[in-house]
């Protein structure tokens, strides 16, 4: 299957948004079927076939996410 290091190597080729479709094709060819990135700390779980998955490290300290929006600004 694939490793986080292989995915990082594919991502290192991305220099602009125009490179993103090639990046997606590269990670698909590695076997990535989908991935989830978490806002709380920036880690990503990459999924492959037959239940395979691998997880990247957190990119930053965990953020506290409010359960309720207390924003009173109600712009249309």
Protein backbone atom coordinates (compact mmCIF):
# COMPACT_ATOMS: atom_id res chain seq x y z
CA UNK A 1 0.00 0.00 0.00
CA UNK A 2 1.06 3.62 0.35
CA UNK A 3 2.85 5.62 3.03
CA UNK A 4 2.53 9.18 4.29
CA UNK A 5 6.06 9.76 2.95
CA UNK A 6 4.94 8.81 -0.58
CA UNK A 7 1.98 11.19 -0.31
CA UNK A 8 4.24 13.98 0.95
CA UNK A 9 6.58 13.39 -2.01
CA UNK A 10 3.64 13.71 -4.43
CA UNK A 11 2.46 16.85 -2.61
CA UNK A 12 5.92 18.44 -2.84
CA UNK A 13 5.39 18.74 -6.61
CA UNK A 14 2.39 21.05 -6.11
CA UNK A 15 3.48 24.64 -6.71
CA UNK A 16 0.08 26.17 -7.62
CA UNK A 17 -3.57 25.25 -7.97
CA UNK A 18 -2.86 24.19 -11.55
CA UNK A 19 -0.77 21.29 -10.16
CA UNK A 20 -3.53 19.98 -7.91
CA UNK A 21 -5.24 17.67 -10.47
CA UNK A 22 -1.90 15.93 -11.11
CA UNK A 23 -1.38 15.54 -7.35
CA UNK A 24 -4.76 13.87 -6.99
CA UNK A 25 -3.97 11.51 -9.86
CA UNK A 26 -0.59 10.72 -8.26
CA UNK A 27 -2.07 9.79 -4.88
CA UNK A 28 -4.85 7.82 -6.57
CA UNK A 29 -2.19 5.82 -8.41
CA UNK A 30 -0.59 5.09 -5.01
CA UNK A 31 -3.90 3.58 -3.90
CA UNK A 32 -5.50 6.43 -1.95
CA UNK A 33 -9.29 6.17 -2.33
CA UNK A 34 -10.15 9.15 -0.12
CA UNK A 35 -8.82 11.18 2.78
CA UNK A 36 -10.03 13.27 5.72
CA UNK A 37 -8.19 16.28 7.12
CA UNK A 38 -9.09 17.44 10.62
CA UNK A 39 -9.39 21.12 11.52
CA UNK A 40 -8.60 20.46 15.17
CA UNK A 41 -4.90 19.78 14.56
CA UNK A 42 -4.36 19.42 10.80
CA UNK A 43 -3.72 15.66 10.75
CA UNK A 44 -4.98 13.64 7.79
CA UNK A 45 -6.21 10.07 7.54
CA UNK A 46 -5.63 8.50 4.10
CA UNK A 47 -7.74 5.49 3.14
CA UNK A 48 -7.10 2.73 0.63
CA UNK A 49 -8.74 -0.52 -0.37
CA UNK A 50 -9.53 -3.42 1.97
CA UNK A 51 -9.72 -1.15 5.04
CA UNK A 52 -6.14 0.10 4.71
CA UNK A 53 -5.42 3.51 6.26
CA UNK A 54 -2.49 5.57 7.42
CA UNK A 55 -2.41 8.81 9.36
CA UNK A 56 -0.17 11.86 9.12
CA UNK A 57 1.08 13.67 12.19
CA UNK A 58 -0.66 16.73 13.58
CA UNK A 59 0.48 19.96 11.93
CA UNK A 60 -0.22 22.16 14.96
CA UNK A 61 -1.45 22.02 18.55
CA UNK A 62 -5.07 21.00 18.94
CA UNK A 63 -7.53 23.85 18.61
CA UNK A 64 -10.62 24.15 20.77
CA UNK A 65 -13.69 24.16 18.55
CA UNK A 66 -16.82 25.75 20.03
CA UNK A 67 -19.94 23.57 20.11
CA UNK A 68 -22.17 26.58 19.50
CA UNK A 69 -21.65 29.62 17.34
CA UNK A 70 -21.80 32.71 19.54
CA UNK A 71 -21.42 35.08 16.58
CA UNK A 72 -24.14 37.73 16.84
CA UNK A 73 -23.28 39.35 13.53
CA UNK A 74 -26.11 38.43 11.20
CA UNK A 75 -25.10 39.84 7.87
CA UNK A 76 -27.37 38.81 5.00
